[in-house]
Amino acid sequence: MWYVMQVMSGWEGKCAMMLERNIPDEILEKCFVPMRRMKKKYHGKWHEVTEKIFPGYVFLVSGQPRVLYDELKNVPMLTKLLGSCEEYFTPLSQKDVRFLHRLQNMESKSDGVGISKVSVGEDSHIRIIAGPLKNLEGQIRKINLHKRIALVEADFMGNRALLHLGIEIVEGK
């Protein structure tokens, strides 16, 4: 099962590394911070950067939630376990897990969400050619070609989430 914990913003990577080092593999199968690749323009050139999709959150995979919960009580950076009650915390829904897999598995080079390739037709029609946005056309709310960002609306963790994902223009007008 997948779980989510909230940590102090900026400490996600350090917290994930600390958990992987200190909690045995049989309790914590995987710990990660979902990342996205994007293009940003600075100093007059486009550069590829990596950013957190959900700042302040660390995702955990475990088959032993009660033991994991007890281990996490000792984490100083932890602020909250999502869905937690006094005795447990609730897993992500299978729908949420499938959504994350779909975003991440489209990009075979890395664990993060890759940059989608788009083309812009003469009539300004934008078409997704490849990448994580390929099968999410109905969820794209806005595309900012100037900033190379697609705004995707998704039901995630019981809320409507707006995700900013990277795009690259491969065919122009």
C-alpha atoms as a PDB file:
ATOM      1  CA  MET A   1       0.000   0.000   0.000  1.00  0.00           C
ATOM      2  CA  TRP A   2       1.054   3.590  -0.649  1.00  0.00           C
ATOM      3  CA  TYR A   3       0.944   6.245   2.066  1.00  0.00           C
ATOM      4  CA  VAL A   4       1.685   9.965   2.184  1.00  0.00           C
ATOM      5  CA  MET A   5       3.309  11.988   4.913  1.00  0.00           C
ATOM      6  CA  GLN A   6       3.676  15.724   5.144  1.00  0.00           C
ATOM      7  CA  VAL A   7       7.062  17.164   6.027  1.00  0.00           C
ATOM      8  CA  MET A   8       8.531  20.628   6.265  1.00  0.00           C
ATOM      9  CA  SER A   9       8.782  22.130   2.791  1.00  0.00           C
ATOM     10  CA  GLY A  10      12.315  21.881   1.471  1.00  0.00           C
ATOM     11  CA  TRP A  11      13.124  18.815   3.590  1.00  0.00           C
ATOM     12  CA  GLU A  12      11.411  16.202   1.403  1.00  0.00           C
ATOM     13  CA  GLY A  13      14.584  14.712  -0.104  1.00  0.00           C
ATOM     14  CA  LYS A  14      16.499  14.662   3.178  1.00  0.00           C
ATOM     15  CA  CYS A  15      13.552  13.066   4.954  1.00  0.00           C
ATOM     16  CA  ALA A  16      13.177  10.379   2.261  1.00  0.00           C
ATOM     17  CA  MET A  17      16.908   9.537   2.469  1.00  0.00           C
ATOM     18  CA  MET A  18      16.776   9.397   6.273  1.00  0.00           C
ATOM     19  CA  LEU A  19      13.763   7.060   6.209  1.00  0.00           C
ATOM     20  CA  GLU A  20      15.384   4.738   3.648  1.00  0.00           C
ATOM     21  CA  ARG A  21      18.533   4.588   5.771  1.00  0.00           C
ATOM     22  CA  ASN A  22      16.845   4.050   9.141  1.00  0.00           C
ATOM     23  CA  ILE A  23      13.775   1.903   8.444  1.00  0.00           C
ATOM     24  CA  PRO A  24      14.383  -1.721   7.371  1.00  0.00           C
ATOM     25  CA  ASP A  25      13.384  -2.724   3.809  1.00  0.00           C
ATOM     26  CA  GLU A  26      10.859  -5.254   5.081  1.00  0.00           C
ATOM     27  CA  ILE A  27       8.930  -2.383   6.705  1.00  0.00           C
ATOM     28  CA  LEU A  28       9.513   0.425   4.186  1.00  0.00           C
ATOM     29  CA  GLU A  29       9.642  -0.987   0.664  1.00  0.00           C
ATOM     30  CA  LYS A  30      10.062   2.362  -1.068  1.00  0.00           C
ATOM     31  CA  CYS A  31      10.164   6.027  -0.169  1.00  0.00           C
ATOM     32  CA  PHE A  32      10.097   8.799  -2.792  1.00  0.00           C
ATOM     33  CA  VAL A  33       9.265  12.383  -3.644  1.00  0.00           C
ATOM     34  CA  PRO A  34       7.419  12.626  -7.000  1.00  0.00           C
ATOM     35  CA  MET A  35       9.359  14.872  -9.360  1.00  0.00           C
ATOM     36  CA  ARG A  36       8.665  16.463 -12.739  1.00  0.00           C
ATOM     37  CA  ARG A  37      11.021  17.638 -15.451  1.00  0.00           C
ATOM     38  CA  MET A  38      10.331  21.038 -16.980  1.00  0.00           C
ATOM     39  CA  LYS A  39      11.943  23.635 -19.212  1.00  0.00           C
ATOM     40  CA  LYS A  40      12.695  27.059 -17.733  1.00  0.00           C
ATOM     41  CA  LYS A  41      14.217  30.007 -19.472  1.00  0.00           C
ATOM     42  CA  TYR A  42      16.896  31.974 -17.697  1.00  0.00           C
ATOM     43  CA  HIS A  43      19.970  33.830 -18.942  1.00  0.00           C
ATOM     44  CA  GLY A  44      18.319  33.829 -22.384  1.00  0.00           C
ATOM     45  CA  LYS A  45      18.407  30.029 -22.788  1.00  0.00           C
ATOM     46  CA  TRP A  46      16.046  27.132 -22.053  1.00  0.00           C
ATOM     47  CA  HIS A  47      17.283  24.767 -19.353  1.00  0.00           C
ATOM     48  CA  GLU A  48      15.806  21.496 -18.150  1.00  0.00           C
ATOM     49  CA  VAL A  49      15.063  21.545 -14.418  1.00  0.00           C
ATOM     50  CA  THR A  50      13.598  19.064 -11.962  1.00  0.00           C
ATOM     51  CA  GLU A  51      10.960  20.162  -9.443  1.00  0.00           C
ATOM     52  CA  LYS A  52       8.719  18.523  -6.853  1.00  0.00           C
ATOM     53  CA  ILE A  53       5.155  17.834  -8.023  1.00  0.00           C
ATOM     54  CA  PHE A  54       3.813  17.894  -4.453  1.00  0.00           C
ATOM     55  CA  PRO A  55       6.054  20.144  -2.319  1.00  0.00           C
ATOM     56  CA  GLY A  56       6.000  19.171   1.347  1.00  0.00           C
ATOM     57  CA  TYR A  57       5.009  15.522   0.786  1.00  0.00           C
ATOM     58  CA  VAL A  58       6.886  12.220   0.865  1.00  0.00           C
ATOM     59  CA  PHE A  59       5.304   9.024  -0.496  1.00  0.00           C
ATOM     60  CA  LEU A  60       5.852   5.683   1.248  1.00  0.00           C
ATOM     61  CA  VAL A  61       5.210   2.103   0.151  1.00  0.00           C
ATOM     62  CA  SER A  62       4.753  -0.515   2.868  1.00  0.00           C
ATOM     63  CA  GLY A  63       2.888  -3.718   3.547  1.00  0.00           C
ATOM     64  CA  GLN A  64       3.150  -3.182   7.306  1.00  0.00           C
ATOM     65  CA  PRO A  65       1.355   0.096   8.053  1.00  0.00           C
ATOM     66  CA  ARG A  66       1.141  -0.327  11.837  1.00  0.00           C
ATOM     67  CA  VAL A  67       4.862  -1.051  12.198  1.00  0.00           C
ATOM     68  CA  LEU A  68       5.683   1.770   9.764  1.00  0.00           C
ATOM     69  CA  TYR A  69       3.446   4.127  11.746  1.00  0.00           C
ATOM     70  CA  ASP A  70       5.385   3.323  14.929  1.00  0.00           C
ATOM     71  CA  GLU A  71       8.712   3.902  13.146  1.00  0.00           C
ATOM     72  CA  LEU A  72       7.527   7.245  11.721  1.00  0.00           C
ATOM     73  CA  LYS A  73       6.689   8.607  15.180  1.00  0.00           C
ATOM     74  CA  ASN A  74      10.443   9.084  15.643  1.00  0.00           C
ATOM     75  CA  VAL A  75      10.888  11.262  12.544  1.00  0.00           C
ATOM     76  CA  PRO A  76      11.667  14.848  13.597  1.00  0.00           C
ATOM     77  CA  MET A  77      10.795  16.340  10.164  1.00  0.00           C
ATOM     78  CA  LEU A  78       7.358  14.738  10.061  1.00  0.00           C
ATOM     79  CA  THR A  79       4.488  17.156  10.464  1.00  0.00           C
ATOM     80  CA  LYS A  80       1.520  14.938   9.635  1.00  0.00           C
ATOM     81  CA  LEU A  81       0.503  11.581   8.205  1.00  0.00           C
ATOM     82  CA  LEU A  82      -2.252  12.071   5.675  1.00  0.00           C
ATOM     83  CA  GLY A  83      -5.483  10.431   6.647  1.00  0.00           C
ATOM     84  CA  SER A  84      -4.082   9.676  10.074  1.00  0.00           C
ATOM     85  CA  CYS A  85      -6.158   8.964  13.099  1.00  0.00           C
ATOM     86  CA  GLU A  86      -4.759   8.249  16.516  1.00  0.00           C
ATOM     87  CA  GLU A  87      -3.951   4.621  15.736  1.00  0.00           C
ATOM     88  CA  TYR A  88      -3.234   4.469  11.977  1.00  0.00           C
ATOM     89  CA  PHE A  89      -2.999   6.320   8.699  1.00  0.00           C
ATOM     90  CA  THR A  90      -4.914   5.540   5.529  1.00  0.00           C
ATOM     91  CA  PRO A  91      -3.406   4.410   2.229  1.00  0.00           C
ATOM     92  CA  LEU A  92      -3.756   6.172  -1.105  1.00  0.00           C
ATOM     93  CA  SER A  93      -6.613   4.863  -3.189  1.00  0.00           C
ATOM     94  CA  GLN A  94      -5.810   2.498  -6.055  1.00  0.00           C
ATOM     95  CA  LYS A  95      -7.053   5.232  -8.410  1.00  0.00           C
ATOM     96  CA  ASP A  96      -4.407   7.642  -7.033  1.00  0.00           C
ATOM     97  CA  VAL A  97      -1.676   5.002  -7.299  1.00  0.00           C
ATOM     98  CA  ARG A  98      -2.659   4.244 -10.927  1.00  0.00           C
ATOM     99  CA  PHE A  99      -2.616   7.983 -11.721  1.00  0.00           C
ATOM    100  CA  LEU A 100       0.938   8.360 -10.364  1.00  0.00           C
ATOM    101  CA  HIS A 101       2.080   5.226 -12.211  1.00  0.00           C
ATOM    102  CA  ARG A 102       0.556   6.513 -15.449  1.00  0.00           C
ATOM    103  CA  LEU A 103       2.355   9.848 -15.114  1.00  0.00           C
ATOM    104  CA  GLN A 104       5.712   8.330 -14.196  1.00  0.00           C
ATOM    105  CA  ASN A 105       5.800   5.236 -16.403  1.00  0.00           C
ATOM    106  CA  MET A 106       5.429   7.217 -19.613  1.00  0.00           C
ATOM    107  CA  GLU A 107       9.007   8.446 -19.154  1.00  0.00           C
ATOM    108  CA  SER A 108      11.367   5.485 -19.209  1.00  0.00           C
ATOM    109  CA  LYS A 109      14.584   7.451 -18.517  1.00  0.00           C
ATOM    110  CA  SER A 110      13.779   8.431 -14.939  1.00  0.00           C
ATOM    111  CA  ASP A 111      11.451   7.932 -12.017  1.00  0.00           C
ATOM    112  CA  GLY A 112      10.090  11.436 -12.479  1.00  0.00           C
ATOM    113  CA  VAL A 113       7.374  12.780 -14.725  1.00  0.00           C
ATOM    114  CA  GLY A 114       8.912  13.657 -18.068  1.00  0.00           C
ATOM    115  CA  ILE A 115       8.328  16.496 -20.490  1.00  0.00           C
ATOM    116  CA  SER A 116       5.507  15.968 -22.993  1.00  0.00           C
ATOM    117  CA  LYS A 117       6.053  16.798 -26.638  1.00  0.00           C
ATOM    118  CA  VAL A 118       3.416  19.014 -28.271  1.00  0.00           C
ATOM    119  CA  SER A 119       2.849  20.423 -31.724  1.00  0.00           C
ATOM    120  CA  VAL A 120       1.099  23.677 -32.549  1.00  0.00           C
ATOM    121  CA  GLY A 121      -0.866  23.751 -35.789  1.00  0.00           C
ATOM    122  CA  GLU A 122      -1.432  26.745 -38.035  1.00  0.00           C
ATOM    123  CA  ASP A 123      -4.853  27.259 -36.464  1.00  0.00           C
ATOM    124  CA  SER A 124      -3.146  27.368 -33.005  1.00  0.00           C
ATOM    125  CA  HIS A 125      -4.528  23.890 -32.264  1.00  0.00           C
ATOM    126  CA  ILE A 126      -2.254  22.130 -29.773  1.00  0.00           C
ATOM    127  CA  ARG A 127      -1.761  18.391 -30.097  1.00  0.00           C
ATOM    128  CA  ILE A 128       0.015  16.171 -27.569  1.00  0.00           C
ATOM    129  CA  ILE A 129       2.433  13.951 -29.480  1.00  0.00           C
ATOM    130  CA  ALA A 130       4.131  11.984 -26.688  1.00  0.00           C
ATOM    131  CA  GLY A 131       4.810  11.930 -22.964  1.00  0.00           C
ATOM    132  CA  PRO A 132       2.802  11.803 -19.760  1.00  0.00           C
ATOM    133  CA  LEU A 133       0.091  14.158 -21.067  1.00  0.00           C
ATOM    134  CA  LYS A 134      -0.678  11.881 -24.046  1.00  0.00           C
ATOM    135  CA  ASN A 135      -3.734  10.267 -22.466  1.00  0.00           C
ATOM    136  CA  LEU A 136      -4.716  13.179 -20.218  1.00  0.00           C
ATOM    137  CA  GLU A 137      -6.028  15.574 -22.885  1.00  0.00           C
ATOM    138  CA  GLY A 138      -9.435  15.795 -21.202  1.00  0.00           C
ATOM    139  CA  GLN A 139      -7.823  16.896 -17.931  1.00  0.00           C
ATOM    140  CA  ILE A 140      -5.626  19.664 -19.389  1.00  0.00           C
ATOM    141  CA  ARG A 141      -7.112  22.989 -18.314  1.00  0.00           C
ATOM    142  CA  LYS A 142      -4.567  25.355 -19.813  1.00  0.00           C
ATOM    143  CA  ILE A 143      -1.359  25.296 -21.814  1.00  0.00           C
ATOM    144  CA  ASN A 144       1.093  28.161 -21.521  1.00  0.00           C
ATOM    145  CA  LEU A 145       3.362  27.860 -24.565  1.00  0.00           C
ATOM    146  CA  HIS A 146       5.481  30.822 -23.487  1.00  0.00           C
ATOM    147  CA  LYS A 147       6.375  29.188 -20.147  1.00  0.00           C
ATOM    148  CA  ARG A 148       6.246  25.616 -21.551  1.00  0.00           C
ATOM    149  CA  ILE A 149       3.736  24.459 -18.898  1.00  0.00           C
ATOM    150  CA  ALA A 150       0.510  22.466 -19.041  1.00  0.00           C
ATOM    151  CA  LEU A 151      -1.938  22.869 -16.173  1.00  0.00           C
ATOM    152  CA  VAL A 152      -3.618  19.519 -15.496  1.00  0.00           C
ATOM    153  CA  GLU A 153      -6.630  19.118 -13.208  1.00  0.00           C
ATOM    154  CA  ALA A 154      -6.902  15.756 -11.483  1.00  0.00           C
ATOM    155  CA  ASP A 155      -8.731  14.125  -8.604  1.00  0.00           C
ATOM    156  CA  PHE A 156      -5.908  13.177  -6.283  1.00  0.00           C
ATOM    157  CA  MET A 157      -5.890  12.317  -2.570  1.00  0.00           C
ATOM    158  CA  GLY A 158      -9.557  13.232  -2.249  1.00  0.00           C
ATOM    159  CA  ASN A 159      -9.148  16.744  -3.671  1.00  0.00           C
ATOM    160  CA  ARG A 160      -8.982  18.508  -7.008  1.00  0.00           C
ATOM    161  CA  ALA A 161      -5.279  19.018  -7.666  1.00  0.00           C
ATOM    162  CA  LEU A 162      -3.802  21.357 -10.253  1.00  0.00           C
ATOM    163  CA  LEU A 163      -0.506  19.954 -11.501  1.00  0.00           C
ATOM    164  CA  HIS A 164       1.973  21.950 -13.555  1.00  0.00           C
ATOM    165  CA  LEU A 165       3.705  19.614 -16.006  1.00  0.00           C
ATOM    166  CA  GLY A 166       6.402  20.425 -18.543  1.00  0.00           C
ATOM    167  CA  ILE A 167       5.921  20.568 -22.310  1.00  0.00           C
ATOM    168  CA  GLU A 168       8.292  20.923 -25.238  1.00  0.00           C
ATOM    169  CA  ILE A 169       7.225  22.289 -28.608  1.00  0.00           C
ATOM    170  CA  VAL A 170       8.535  19.965 -31.332  1.00  0.00           C
ATOM    171  CA  GLU A 171       6.554  21.282 -34.277  1.00  0.00           C
ATOM    172  CA  GLY A 172       5.630  24.904 -34.687  1.00  0.00           C
ATOM    173  CA  LYS A 173       3.380  27.085 -36.789  1.00  0.00           C
END
